[in-house]
Amino acid sequence: MASIQDIVQVKLDQPRSAQPAVPSKAFQMKLSDNKSLVVYNHISGYILDAVLKAVFNDVH
């Protein structure tokens, strides 16, 4: 016999007055005298990965 799976909709409770998260500085690193790297919270992982690879291109 064929197995039929049930599909169940799930909704998470969210406060009605929920405001979007405001980005805040997670860390800052000085790269040279006139350059610094600032990373904010809620950054996407692939963007952070690309930025770090561009900054530290000599590191393997």
N, C-alpha and C. Protein backbone atom coordinates (compact mmCIF):
# COMPACT_ATOMS: atom_id res chain seq x y z
N MET A 1 0.82 -1.18 0.00
CA MET A 1 0.00 0.00 0.00
C MET A 1 0.87 1.25 0.00
N ALA A 2 0.37 2.26 -0.61
CA ALA A 2 1.08 3.53 -0.66
C ALA A 2 0.92 4.28 0.65
N SER A 3 2.02 4.87 1.11
CA SER A 3 1.99 5.64 2.35
C SER A 3 1.64 7.09 2.02
N ILE A 4 0.61 7.62 2.62
CA ILE A 4 0.20 9.00 2.41
C ILE A 4 0.62 9.81 3.63
N GLN A 5 1.38 10.88 3.37
CA GLN A 5 1.85 11.72 4.47
C GLN A 5 0.90 12.88 4.67
N ASP A 6 0.71 13.23 5.93
CA ASP A 6 -0.11 14.40 6.26
C ASP A 6 0.74 15.66 6.13
N ILE A 7 0.15 16.70 5.60
CA ILE A 7 0.80 18.01 5.53
C ILE A 7 0.16 18.90 6.57
N VAL A 8 0.97 19.43 7.46
CA VAL A 8 0.47 20.23 8.57
C VAL A 8 1.08 21.62 8.46
N GLN A 9 0.24 22.64 8.50
CA GLN A 9 0.71 24.01 8.48
C GLN A 9 1.09 24.43 9.88
N VAL A 10 2.26 25.05 10.02
CA VAL A 10 2.75 25.49 11.32
C VAL A 10 2.92 27.00 11.27
N LYS A 11 2.34 27.68 12.25
CA LYS A 11 2.50 29.13 12.38
C LYS A 11 3.11 29.42 13.73
N LEU A 12 4.13 30.27 13.72
CA LEU A 12 4.78 30.65 14.96
C LEU A 12 4.13 31.91 15.50
N ASP A 13 4.02 31.99 16.81
CA ASP A 13 3.47 33.19 17.44
C ASP A 13 4.45 34.33 17.29
N GLN A 14 3.96 35.46 16.84
CA GLN A 14 4.79 36.65 16.72
C GLN A 14 4.05 37.80 17.39
N PRO A 15 4.77 38.57 18.18
CA PRO A 15 4.13 39.72 18.82
C PRO A 15 3.60 40.68 17.75
N ARG A 16 2.47 41.27 18.02
CA ARG A 16 1.85 42.18 17.05
C ARG A 16 2.65 43.46 16.87
N SER A 17 3.38 43.85 17.89
CA SER A 17 4.16 45.09 17.80
C SER A 17 5.63 44.81 17.51
N ALA A 18 5.91 43.69 16.87
CA ALA A 18 7.30 43.34 16.58
C ALA A 18 7.89 44.33 15.58
N GLN A 19 9.00 44.90 15.96
CA GLN A 19 9.70 45.82 15.08
C GLN A 19 10.91 45.10 14.50
N PRO A 20 11.29 45.44 13.28
CA PRO A 20 12.47 44.79 12.71
C PRO A 20 13.71 45.06 13.56
N ALA A 21 14.59 44.08 13.60
CA ALA A 21 15.80 44.21 14.39
C ALA A 21 16.69 45.30 13.79
N VAL A 22 17.19 46.15 14.64
CA VAL A 22 18.07 47.24 14.20
C VAL A 22 19.50 46.71 14.20
N PRO A 23 20.20 46.85 13.07
CA PRO A 23 21.58 46.37 13.04
C PRO A 23 22.45 47.16 14.02
N SER A 24 23.32 46.45 14.68
CA SER A 24 24.28 47.11 15.56
C SER A 24 25.66 46.51 15.28
N LYS A 25 26.68 47.27 15.62
CA LYS A 25 28.04 46.85 15.32
C LYS A 25 28.40 45.61 16.14
N ALA A 26 28.84 44.55 15.46
CA ALA A 26 29.26 43.33 16.15
C ALA A 26 30.74 43.43 16.52
N PHE A 27 31.57 43.83 15.56
CA PHE A 27 32.97 44.09 15.87
C PHE A 27 33.59 44.99 14.81
N GLN A 28 34.73 45.58 15.19
CA GLN A 28 35.46 46.45 14.28
C GLN A 28 36.93 46.08 14.39
N MET A 29 37.60 45.99 13.22
CA MET A 29 39.00 45.62 13.19
C MET A 29 39.76 46.65 12.35
N LYS A 30 40.84 47.17 12.90
CA LYS A 30 41.66 48.13 12.16
C LYS A 30 42.62 47.34 11.27
N LEU A 31 42.56 47.61 9.96
CA LEU A 31 43.40 46.89 9.01
C LEU A 31 44.69 47.63 8.72
N SER A 32 44.63 48.94 8.65
CA SER A 32 45.82 49.78 8.44
C SER A 32 45.51 51.16 9.01
N ASP A 33 46.37 52.11 8.73
CA ASP A 33 46.18 53.45 9.29
C ASP A 33 44.87 54.10 8.84
N ASN A 34 44.45 53.84 7.60
CA ASN A 34 43.25 54.50 7.10
C ASN A 34 42.15 53.52 6.69
N LYS A 35 42.27 52.26 7.08
CA LYS A 35 41.25 51.27 6.74
C LYS A 35 40.83 50.49 7.97
N SER A 36 39.53 50.26 8.07
CA SER A 36 39.03 49.41 9.14
C SER A 36 37.86 48.60 8.60
N LEU A 37 37.62 47.47 9.23
CA LEU A 37 36.54 46.57 8.85
C LEU A 37 35.50 46.60 9.97
N VAL A 38 34.27 46.92 9.62
CA VAL A 38 33.18 46.95 10.59
C VAL A 38 32.16 45.89 10.16
N VAL A 39 31.82 44.99 11.07
CA VAL A 39 30.84 43.94 10.81
C VAL A 39 29.66 44.15 11.75
N TYR A 40 28.48 44.16 11.19
CA TYR A 40 27.26 44.34 11.96
C TYR A 40 26.57 43.01 12.19
N ASN A 41 25.77 42.94 13.26
CA ASN A 41 25.03 41.72 13.52
C ASN A 41 24.00 41.49 12.41
N HIS A 42 23.50 40.32 12.30
CA HIS A 42 22.52 39.90 11.28
C HIS A 42 23.11 39.88 9.88
N ILE A 43 24.44 39.80 9.76
CA ILE A 43 25.06 39.70 8.44
C ILE A 43 24.88 38.27 7.94
N SER A 44 24.63 38.11 6.67
CA SER A 44 24.48 36.79 6.09
C SER A 44 25.84 36.09 6.08
N GLY A 45 25.83 34.80 6.32
CA GLY A 45 27.07 34.04 6.41
C GLY A 45 27.89 34.09 5.14
N TYR A 46 27.25 34.00 3.99
CA TYR A 46 28.01 34.00 2.74
C TYR A 46 28.63 35.36 2.46
N ILE A 47 28.00 36.44 2.92
CA ILE A 47 28.58 37.78 2.75
C ILE A 47 29.79 37.93 3.67
N LEU A 48 29.66 37.50 4.91
CA LEU A 48 30.79 37.57 5.84
C LEU A 48 31.94 36.73 5.33
N ASP A 49 31.67 35.56 4.79
CA ASP A 49 32.70 34.69 4.25
C ASP A 49 33.44 35.39 3.10
N ALA A 50 32.71 36.02 2.20
CA ALA A 50 33.32 36.71 1.06
C ALA A 50 34.16 37.90 1.52
N VAL A 51 33.67 38.65 2.50
CA VAL A 51 34.42 39.80 3.01
C VAL A 51 35.71 39.34 3.67
N LEU A 52 35.64 38.32 4.50
CA LEU A 52 36.84 37.84 5.18
C LEU A 52 37.86 37.27 4.20
N LYS A 53 37.39 36.59 3.16
CA LYS A 53 38.31 36.07 2.14
C LYS A 53 38.97 37.21 1.37
N ALA A 54 38.24 38.29 1.12
CA ALA A 54 38.81 39.43 0.41
C ALA A 54 39.82 40.17 1.29
N VAL A 55 39.55 40.27 2.57
CA VAL A 55 40.46 40.99 3.47
C VAL A 55 41.69 40.16 3.77
N PHE A 56 41.49 38.88 4.02
CA PHE A 56 42.60 38.00 4.39
C PHE A 56 42.89 37.03 3.24
N ASN A 57 43.20 37.56 2.07
CA ASN A 57 43.42 36.71 0.91
C ASN A 57 44.72 35.93 0.98
N ASP A 58 45.64 36.29 1.87
CA ASP A 58 46.91 35.57 2.00
C ASP A 58 46.82 34.36 2.94
N VAL A 59 45.78 34.30 3.74
CA VAL A 59 45.63 33.25 4.75
C VAL A 59 44.96 32.04 4.11
N HIS A 60 45.47 30.87 4.40
CA HIS A 60 44.86 29.63 3.85
C HIS A 60 44.38 28.76 4.96
